[in-house]
Amino acid sequence: MKYDYVFKLNAVELYRSGQWIETPEGISQKDFRKRIVQWSRIADIYGLDSLRHSTTCKERSAECRYQLVARVLAGESQKSVAISAGIDSGLLSKWVQTYKIKGYEGLNLKKGRKSKKEDKREQEIQTH
């Protein structure tokens, strides 16, 4: 569920004053409160404007993804690296797993579906 800037701002201000905003339907209270704490940390690091939705999609290069993955592999927590980069920790986790399986080339993510030709080529390679 996406929350607008005013909602996030209100939730963070209440949290900082020792109160909690009412948990919306469809999400557990525990998960929702974790999200508010994360919003608060992001706001502490990057300012309250960082709680706004980005108007453009941030396309990260393979090198940028690798730098974040390398920090995790060097021992930093995924959550702290994700917060510092302004991305979801689940996305970073996916990049780490992809890197472990496919290496650096796996971080060159392509958008969209594979072409049927690519699928056939991969199947031929696997059967030979």
N, C-alpha and C. Protein backbone atom coordinates (compact mmCIF):
# COMPACT_ATOMS: atom_id res chain seq x y z
N MET A 1 0.85 -1.17 0.00
CA MET A 1 0.00 0.00 0.00
C MET A 1 0.90 1.24 0.00
N LYS A 2 0.55 2.21 -0.82
CA LYS A 2 1.30 3.46 -0.86
C LYS A 2 0.60 4.49 0.01
N TYR A 3 1.39 5.21 0.75
CA TYR A 3 0.86 6.26 1.62
C TYR A 3 1.35 7.60 1.10
N ASP A 4 0.49 8.61 1.16
CA ASP A 4 0.90 9.91 0.66
C ASP A 4 1.80 10.62 1.70
N TYR A 5 2.42 11.69 1.23
CA TYR A 5 3.38 12.43 2.04
C TYR A 5 2.78 12.94 3.34
N VAL A 6 1.57 13.49 3.28
CA VAL A 6 0.94 14.05 4.48
C VAL A 6 0.69 12.96 5.51
N PHE A 7 0.24 11.79 5.05
CA PHE A 7 0.00 10.67 5.96
C PHE A 7 1.31 10.24 6.64
N LYS A 8 2.38 10.09 5.85
CA LYS A 8 3.68 9.69 6.41
C LYS A 8 4.18 10.73 7.41
N LEU A 9 4.06 11.99 7.04
CA LEU A 9 4.51 13.08 7.91
C LEU A 9 3.77 13.05 9.24
N ASN A 10 2.46 12.89 9.19
CA ASN A 10 1.65 12.81 10.39
C ASN A 10 2.05 11.60 11.24
N ALA A 11 2.25 10.45 10.60
CA ALA A 11 2.63 9.23 11.32
C ALA A 11 3.98 9.41 12.02
N VAL A 12 4.93 10.02 11.34
CA VAL A 12 6.27 10.22 11.91
C VAL A 12 6.20 11.22 13.07
N GLU A 13 5.45 12.30 12.91
CA GLU A 13 5.34 13.29 13.99
C GLU A 13 4.70 12.69 15.24
N LEU A 14 3.65 11.89 15.04
CA LEU A 14 3.03 11.22 16.19
C LEU A 14 4.01 10.25 16.84
N TYR A 15 4.72 9.47 16.04
CA TYR A 15 5.70 8.52 16.56
C TYR A 15 6.77 9.24 17.39
N ARG A 16 7.24 10.35 16.88
CA ARG A 16 8.28 11.10 17.60
C ARG A 16 7.76 11.69 18.91
N SER A 17 6.43 11.89 19.00
CA SER A 17 5.85 12.40 20.25
C SER A 17 5.40 11.27 21.17
N GLY A 18 5.72 10.03 20.79
CA GLY A 18 5.40 8.88 21.64
C GLY A 18 4.03 8.29 21.40
N GLN A 19 3.40 8.63 20.29
CA GLN A 19 2.08 8.09 19.98
C GLN A 19 2.13 7.36 18.64
N TRP A 20 1.07 6.63 18.35
CA TRP A 20 0.99 5.91 17.08
C TRP A 20 -0.28 6.33 16.34
N ILE A 21 -0.16 6.47 15.04
CA ILE A 21 -1.33 6.71 14.20
C ILE A 21 -2.10 5.39 14.11
N GLU A 22 -3.39 5.47 13.86
CA GLU A 22 -4.21 4.27 13.77
C GLU A 22 -3.74 3.41 12.59
N THR A 23 -3.64 2.11 12.82
CA THR A 23 -3.19 1.18 11.79
C THR A 23 -4.28 0.99 10.74
N PRO A 24 -3.94 1.19 9.46
CA PRO A 24 -4.94 0.99 8.41
C PRO A 24 -5.34 -0.50 8.29
N GLU A 25 -6.50 -0.73 7.72
CA GLU A 25 -6.93 -2.11 7.50
C GLU A 25 -6.04 -2.77 6.46
N GLY A 26 -5.88 -4.07 6.61
CA GLY A 26 -5.13 -4.83 5.63
C GLY A 26 -3.65 -4.98 5.93
N ILE A 27 -3.18 -4.44 7.04
CA ILE A 27 -1.78 -4.58 7.41
C ILE A 27 -1.73 -4.81 8.92
N SER A 28 -0.78 -5.64 9.34
CA SER A 28 -0.68 -5.91 10.77
C SER A 28 -0.10 -4.69 11.48
N GLN A 29 -0.49 -4.52 12.72
CA GLN A 29 -0.01 -3.38 13.50
C GLN A 29 1.51 -3.42 13.63
N LYS A 30 2.07 -4.61 13.84
CA LYS A 30 3.52 -4.75 14.00
C LYS A 30 4.25 -4.29 12.73
N ASP A 31 3.79 -4.77 11.56
CA ASP A 31 4.43 -4.39 10.31
C ASP A 31 4.27 -2.90 10.02
N PHE A 32 3.10 -2.36 10.32
CA PHE A 32 2.85 -0.94 10.08
C PHE A 32 3.74 -0.07 10.96
N ARG A 33 3.89 -0.46 12.21
CA ARG A 33 4.75 0.32 13.12
C ARG A 33 6.21 0.24 12.71
N LYS A 34 6.64 -0.91 12.22
CA LYS A 34 8.01 -1.02 11.70
C LYS A 34 8.22 -0.04 10.55
N ARG A 35 7.21 0.07 9.70
CA ARG A 35 7.29 0.98 8.55
C ARG A 35 7.41 2.43 9.02
N ILE A 36 6.65 2.79 10.06
CA ILE A 36 6.72 4.16 10.59
C ILE A 36 8.10 4.44 11.16
N VAL A 37 8.66 3.48 11.86
CA VAL A 37 10.01 3.65 12.42
C VAL A 37 11.01 3.85 11.27
N GLN A 38 10.83 3.08 10.20
CA GLN A 38 11.72 3.23 9.04
C GLN A 38 11.56 4.62 8.41
N TRP A 39 10.32 5.08 8.27
CA TRP A 39 10.10 6.44 7.74
C TRP A 39 10.80 7.47 8.61
N SER A 40 10.73 7.29 9.91
CA SER A 40 11.36 8.23 10.83
C SER A 40 12.88 8.24 10.64
N ARG A 41 13.47 7.06 10.49
CA ARG A 41 14.93 6.97 10.27
C ARG A 41 15.32 7.63 8.96
N ILE A 42 14.54 7.37 7.92
CA ILE A 42 14.83 7.98 6.62
C ILE A 42 14.74 9.51 6.73
N ALA A 43 13.72 10.00 7.43
CA ALA A 43 13.55 11.45 7.62
C ALA A 43 14.71 12.03 8.43
N ASP A 44 15.20 11.29 9.43
CA ASP A 44 16.34 11.76 10.22
C ASP A 44 17.59 11.92 9.36
N ILE A 45 17.79 10.98 8.45
CA ILE A 45 19.00 10.99 7.63
C ILE A 45 18.89 11.99 6.47
N TYR A 46 17.75 11.96 5.76
CA TYR A 46 17.62 12.73 4.52
C TYR A 46 16.68 13.92 4.61
N GLY A 47 16.02 14.10 5.73
CA GLY A 47 15.06 15.19 5.87
C GLY A 47 13.65 14.73 5.54
N LEU A 48 12.68 15.51 5.99
CA LEU A 48 11.28 15.13 5.82
C LEU A 48 10.85 15.05 4.36
N ASP A 49 11.48 15.82 3.49
CA ASP A 49 11.10 15.77 2.07
C ASP A 49 11.40 14.42 1.44
N SER A 50 12.27 13.63 2.06
CA SER A 50 12.58 12.32 1.51
C SER A 50 11.40 11.36 1.63
N LEU A 51 10.38 11.74 2.40
CA LEU A 51 9.19 10.90 2.53
C LEU A 51 8.24 11.07 1.34
N ARG A 52 8.50 12.05 0.50
CA ARG A 52 7.67 12.26 -0.69
C ARG A 52 7.97 11.17 -1.71
N HIS A 53 6.96 10.83 -2.50
CA HIS A 53 7.18 9.87 -3.58
C HIS A 53 8.01 10.54 -4.66
N SER A 54 8.94 9.80 -5.19
CA SER A 54 9.77 10.31 -6.26
C SER A 54 8.92 10.52 -7.51
N THR A 55 9.14 11.61 -8.19
CA THR A 55 8.38 11.87 -9.41
C THR A 55 8.99 11.18 -10.62
N THR A 56 10.22 10.74 -10.46
CA THR A 56 10.86 10.00 -11.54
C THR A 56 11.39 8.69 -10.98
N CYS A 57 11.43 7.71 -11.82
CA CYS A 57 11.96 6.40 -11.41
C CYS A 57 13.48 6.49 -11.40
N LYS A 58 14.07 6.12 -10.29
CA LYS A 58 15.52 6.16 -10.20
C LYS A 58 16.09 4.88 -10.79
N GLU A 59 16.66 4.99 -11.96
CA GLU A 59 17.28 3.85 -12.60
C GLU A 59 18.72 3.78 -12.11
N ARG A 60 19.06 2.71 -11.47
CA ARG A 60 20.41 2.56 -10.93
C ARG A 60 21.24 1.69 -11.87
N SER A 61 22.47 2.11 -12.09
CA SER A 61 23.36 1.34 -12.96
C SER A 61 23.82 0.08 -12.24
N ALA A 62 24.36 -0.84 -13.02
CA ALA A 62 24.89 -2.08 -12.43
C ALA A 62 25.99 -1.75 -11.43
N GLU A 63 26.80 -0.75 -11.73
CA GLU A 63 27.89 -0.35 -10.82
C GLU A 63 27.32 0.17 -9.51
N CYS A 64 26.28 0.98 -9.58
CA CYS A 64 25.64 1.50 -8.38
C CYS A 64 25.06 0.35 -7.55
N ARG A 65 24.38 -0.59 -8.21
CA ARG A 65 23.82 -1.75 -7.51
C ARG A 65 24.94 -2.55 -6.85
N TYR A 66 26.04 -2.73 -7.60
CA TYR A 66 27.17 -3.50 -7.07
C TYR A 66 27.75 -2.85 -5.81
N GLN A 67 27.87 -1.53 -5.82
CA GLN A 67 28.42 -0.84 -4.65
C GLN A 67 27.56 -1.10 -3.41
N LEU A 68 26.24 -1.10 -3.58
CA LEU A 68 25.34 -1.37 -2.46
C LEU A 68 25.46 -2.83 -2.01
N VAL A 69 25.51 -3.74 -2.98
CA VAL A 69 25.66 -5.17 -2.66
C VAL A 69 26.98 -5.42 -1.94
N ALA A 70 28.04 -4.77 -2.41
CA ALA A 70 29.36 -4.95 -1.79
C ALA A 70 29.36 -4.51 -0.33
N ARG A 71 28.63 -3.45 -0.02
CA ARG A 71 28.54 -3.00 1.37
C ARG A 71 27.89 -4.06 2.24
N VAL A 72 26.85 -4.70 1.70
CA VAL A 72 26.17 -5.76 2.45
C VAL A 72 27.10 -6.95 2.63
N LEU A 73 27.79 -7.33 1.57
CA LEU A 73 28.71 -8.48 1.65
C LEU A 73 29.91 -8.20 2.56
N ALA A 74 30.22 -6.91 2.74
CA ALA A 74 31.33 -6.53 3.63
C ALA A 74 30.90 -6.52 5.10
N GLY A 75 29.59 -6.72 5.35
CA GLY A 75 29.16 -6.83 6.74
C GLY A 75 28.15 -5.81 7.22
N GLU A 76 27.86 -4.78 6.42
CA GLU A 76 26.84 -3.82 6.83
C GLU A 76 25.47 -4.49 6.74
N SER A 77 24.56 -4.06 7.57
CA SER A 77 23.22 -4.66 7.52
C SER A 77 22.49 -4.19 6.27
N GLN A 78 21.68 -5.11 5.73
CA GLN A 78 20.91 -4.77 4.54
C GLN A 78 19.99 -3.59 4.81
N LYS A 79 19.39 -3.58 5.98
CA LYS A 79 18.44 -2.52 6.31
C LYS A 79 19.13 -1.16 6.32
N SER A 80 20.31 -1.06 6.94
CA SER A 80 20.99 0.24 7.01
C SER A 80 21.48 0.69 5.64
N VAL A 81 21.95 -0.24 4.82
CA VAL A 81 22.39 0.11 3.47
C VAL A 81 21.19 0.58 2.65
N ALA A 82 20.07 -0.13 2.77
CA ALA A 82 18.87 0.24 2.02
C ALA A 82 18.36 1.62 2.43
N ILE A 83 18.34 1.88 3.73
CA ILE A 83 17.88 3.19 4.20
C ILE A 83 18.80 4.29 3.69
N SER A 84 20.10 4.06 3.75
CA SER A 84 21.04 5.09 3.30
C SER A 84 20.91 5.35 1.80
N ALA A 85 20.49 4.33 1.04
CA ALA A 85 20.35 4.49 -0.41
C ALA A 85 18.95 4.94 -0.79
N GLY A 86 18.04 4.92 0.17
CA GLY A 86 16.67 5.33 -0.11
C GLY A 86 15.88 4.31 -0.91
N ILE A 87 16.21 3.02 -0.72
CA ILE A 87 15.48 1.96 -1.42
C ILE A 87 14.89 0.99 -0.41
N ASP A 88 14.01 0.14 -0.88
CA ASP A 88 13.39 -0.88 -0.03
C ASP A 88 14.41 -1.98 0.25
N SER A 89 14.44 -2.48 1.48
CA SER A 89 15.40 -3.52 1.83
C SER A 89 15.14 -4.82 1.06
N GLY A 90 13.89 -5.05 0.67
CA GLY A 90 13.57 -6.23 -0.13
C GLY A 90 14.21 -6.17 -1.51
N LEU A 91 14.26 -4.98 -2.10
CA LEU A 91 14.90 -4.81 -3.39
C LEU A 91 16.40 -5.07 -3.28
N LEU A 92 17.01 -4.54 -2.23
CA LEU A 92 18.44 -4.77 -2.02
C LEU A 92 18.72 -6.25 -1.80
N SER A 93 17.87 -6.92 -1.06
CA SER A 93 18.01 -8.35 -0.83
C SER A 93 17.98 -9.11 -2.15
N LYS A 94 17.09 -8.71 -3.04
CA LYS A 94 17.00 -9.33 -4.36
C LYS A 94 18.30 -9.14 -5.14
N TRP A 95 18.87 -7.94 -5.08
CA TRP A 95 20.13 -7.67 -5.78
C TRP A 95 21.26 -8.52 -5.20
N VAL A 96 21.30 -8.67 -3.88
CA VAL A 96 22.34 -9.48 -3.24
C VAL A 96 22.23 -10.93 -3.71
N GLN A 97 21.01 -11.48 -3.71
CA GLN A 97 20.81 -12.86 -4.15
C GLN A 97 21.18 -13.02 -5.62
N THR A 98 20.78 -12.06 -6.44
CA THR A 98 21.12 -12.11 -7.87
C THR A 98 22.62 -12.09 -8.06
N TYR A 99 23.31 -11.24 -7.30
CA TYR A 99 24.77 -11.17 -7.40
C TYR A 99 25.42 -12.49 -6.99
N LYS A 100 24.92 -13.09 -5.92
CA LYS A 100 25.49 -14.36 -5.45
C LYS A 100 25.32 -15.47 -6.49
N ILE A 101 24.21 -15.44 -7.22
CA ILE A 101 23.92 -16.49 -8.19
C ILE A 101 24.57 -16.20 -9.54
N LYS A 102 24.42 -14.97 -10.05
CA LYS A 102 24.84 -14.65 -11.42
C LYS A 102 26.07 -13.76 -11.51
N GLY A 103 26.55 -13.24 -10.38
CA GLY A 103 27.70 -12.37 -10.41
C GLY A 103 27.34 -10.96 -10.87
N TYR A 104 28.35 -10.20 -11.22
CA TYR A 104 28.16 -8.80 -11.60
C TYR A 104 27.21 -8.66 -12.78
N GLU A 105 27.29 -9.55 -13.75
CA GLU A 105 26.43 -9.47 -14.94
C GLU A 105 24.95 -9.57 -14.58
N GLY A 106 24.64 -10.26 -13.49
CA GLY A 106 23.26 -10.37 -13.06
C GLY A 106 22.67 -9.05 -12.60
N LEU A 107 23.53 -8.09 -12.28
CA LEU A 107 23.05 -6.77 -11.83
C LEU A 107 22.70 -5.86 -13.01
N ASN A 108 23.00 -6.28 -14.23
CA ASN A 108 22.57 -5.55 -15.43
C ASN A 108 21.14 -5.96 -15.73
N LEU A 109 20.22 -5.41 -14.96
CA LEU A 109 18.83 -5.81 -15.07
C LEU A 109 18.20 -5.23 -16.33
N LYS A 110 17.48 -6.08 -17.02
CA LYS A 110 16.75 -5.65 -18.21
C LYS A 110 15.29 -5.50 -17.82
N LYS A 111 14.65 -4.48 -18.37
CA LYS A 111 13.23 -4.30 -18.10
C LYS A 111 12.42 -5.11 -19.09
N GLY A 112 11.28 -5.58 -18.65
CA GLY A 112 10.37 -6.29 -19.54
C GLY A 112 10.64 -7.78 -19.60
N ARG A 113 9.88 -8.44 -20.45
CA ARG A 113 10.00 -9.88 -20.60
C ARG A 113 11.14 -10.23 -21.53
N LYS A 114 11.61 -11.46 -21.40
CA LYS A 114 12.59 -11.97 -22.34
C LYS A 114 11.89 -12.24 -23.66
N SER A 115 12.63 -12.09 -24.73
CA SER A 115 12.03 -12.43 -26.02
C SER A 115 11.95 -13.94 -26.15
N LYS A 116 11.09 -14.42 -27.02
CA LYS A 116 10.95 -15.87 -27.22
C LYS A 116 12.26 -16.45 -27.75
N LYS A 117 12.99 -15.66 -28.55
CA LYS A 117 14.28 -16.12 -29.08
C LYS A 117 15.26 -16.37 -27.96
N GLU A 118 15.31 -15.48 -26.96
CA GLU A 118 16.21 -15.66 -25.82
C GLU A 118 15.86 -16.91 -25.05
N ASP A 119 14.54 -17.15 -24.83
CA ASP A 119 14.11 -18.35 -24.11
C ASP A 119 14.55 -19.61 -24.85
N LYS A 120 14.35 -19.64 -26.18
CA LYS A 120 14.74 -20.81 -26.96
C LYS A 120 16.25 -21.03 -26.91
N ARG A 121 17.01 -19.92 -27.00
CA ARG A 121 18.47 -20.00 -26.97
C ARG A 121 18.94 -20.58 -25.62
N GLU A 122 18.34 -20.12 -24.52
CA GLU A 122 18.71 -20.64 -23.20
C GLU A 122 18.37 -22.11 -23.06
N GLN A 123 17.22 -22.53 -23.61
CA GLN A 123 16.83 -23.93 -23.55
C GLN A 123 17.79 -24.80 -24.35
N GLU A 124 18.22 -24.30 -25.53
CA GLU A 124 19.17 -25.05 -26.35
C GLU A 124 20.49 -25.21 -25.64
N ILE A 125 20.95 -24.16 -24.98
CA ILE A 125 22.21 -24.21 -24.25
C ILE A 125 22.14 -25.22 -23.11
N GLN A 126 21.02 -25.24 -22.41
CA GLN A 126 20.86 -26.14 -21.27
C GLN A 126 20.76 -27.60 -21.70
N THR A 127 20.19 -27.88 -22.88
CA THR A 127 20.03 -29.26 -23.33
C THR A 127 21.31 -29.79 -23.96
N HIS A 128 22.24 -28.93 -24.37
CA HIS A 128 23.49 -29.40 -25.00
C HIS A 128 24.57 -29.59 -24.01
